[in-house]
């Protein structure tokens, strides 16, 4: 509960992934307690990877269309 002094000093403390002692104090004082599991982190990681892959695919597609249009113009001149 080394975070306890800091949490007592802030206006709206929220215990995030607290150790057991801090969780007891937070519950006693009515502070919100938020627990992020490893599963939540894994979902965020997979979502970030999927969005990145979709962005790369969209960029590749747009680049391919531009290249095809440029090459197509040269052929018909």
Protein backbone atom coordinates (compact mmCIF):
# COMPACT_ATOMS: atom_id res chain seq x y z
CA UNK A 1 0.00 0.00 0.00
CA UNK A 2 2.86 2.36 -0.78
CA UNK A 3 0.41 4.32 -2.94
CA UNK A 4 -1.80 5.12 0.04
CA UNK A 5 -0.27 8.55 0.93
CA UNK A 6 -0.53 9.73 -2.67
CA UNK A 7 -4.09 8.47 -3.02
CA UNK A 8 -5.11 10.25 0.17
CA UNK A 9 -3.69 13.49 -1.27
CA UNK A 10 -5.55 13.46 -4.60
CA UNK A 11 -9.10 14.71 -5.10
CA UNK A 12 -10.70 11.59 -6.60
CA UNK A 13 -8.64 8.50 -5.78
CA UNK A 14 -9.23 5.29 -7.72
CA UNK A 15 -7.43 2.10 -6.74
CA UNK A 16 -6.25 0.40 -9.95
CA UNK A 17 -5.10 -3.22 -9.61
CA UNK A 18 -4.55 -2.67 -5.87
CA UNK A 19 -2.67 -4.98 -3.55
CA UNK A 20 -4.88 -6.56 -0.83
CA UNK A 21 -4.10 -3.91 1.81
CA UNK A 22 -4.84 -1.00 -0.52
CA UNK A 23 -8.03 -2.70 -1.68
CA UNK A 24 -9.24 -3.02 1.93
CA UNK A 25 -8.50 0.66 2.60
CA UNK A 26 -10.17 1.73 -0.67
CA UNK A 27 -13.31 -0.26 0.14
CA UNK A 28 -13.37 1.14 3.68
CA UNK A 29 -13.06 4.73 2.42
CA UNK A 30 -15.50 4.25 -0.46
CA UNK A 31 -12.96 4.71 -3.24
CA UNK A 32 -13.63 3.01 -6.56
CA UNK A 33 -11.55 -0.12 -7.18
CA UNK A 34 -10.74 -1.08 -10.78
CA UNK A 35 -9.10 -4.39 -11.65
CA UNK A 36 -7.70 -4.98 -15.13
CA UNK A 37 -7.04 -8.63 -15.80
CA UNK A 38 -4.43 -10.07 -18.14
CA UNK A 39 -7.32 -11.04 -20.40
CA UNK A 40 -8.28 -7.38 -20.79
CA UNK A 41 -4.69 -6.53 -21.75
CA UNK A 42 -4.66 -9.38 -24.26
CA UNK A 43 -7.89 -8.13 -25.88
CA UNK A 44 -6.46 -4.61 -26.15
CA UNK A 45 -3.25 -6.00 -27.68
CA UNK A 46 -5.12 -8.13 -30.24
CA UNK A 47 -7.41 -5.21 -31.15
CA UNK A 48 -4.42 -2.93 -31.66
CA UNK A 49 -2.78 -5.52 -33.90
CA UNK A 50 -5.96 -5.98 -35.94
CA UNK A 51 -6.39 -2.23 -36.45
CA UNK A 52 -2.75 -1.92 -37.48
CA UNK A 53 -3.07 -4.77 -39.96
CA UNK A 54 -6.24 -3.27 -41.43
CA UNK A 55 -4.46 0.08 -41.81
CA UNK A 56 -1.55 -1.55 -43.61
CA UNK A 57 -3.91 -3.45 -45.89
CA UNK A 58 -5.87 -0.30 -46.73
CA UNK A 59 -2.66 1.61 -47.42
CA UNK A 60 -1.37 -1.19 -49.64
CA UNK A 61 -4.65 -1.31 -51.54
CA UNK A 62 -4.68 2.47 -52.06
CA UNK A 63 -1.06 2.38 -53.22
CA UNK A 64 -1.85 -0.47 -55.61
CA UNK A 65 -4.80 1.40 -57.09
CA UNK A 66 -2.68 4.51 -57.59
CA UNK A 67 0.11 2.47 -59.19
CA UNK A 68 -2.35 0.68 -61.50
CA UNK A 69 -3.90 3.97 -62.59
CA UNK A 70 -0.47 5.47 -63.30
CA UNK A 71 0.71 2.43 -65.28
CA UNK A 72 -2.62 2.27 -67.12
CA UNK A 73 -2.27 5.88 -68.29
CA UNK A 74 1.22 5.24 -69.63
CA UNK A 75 0.11 2.21 -71.65
CA UNK A 76 -2.65 4.05 -73.50
CA UNK A 77 -0.66 7.11 -74.54
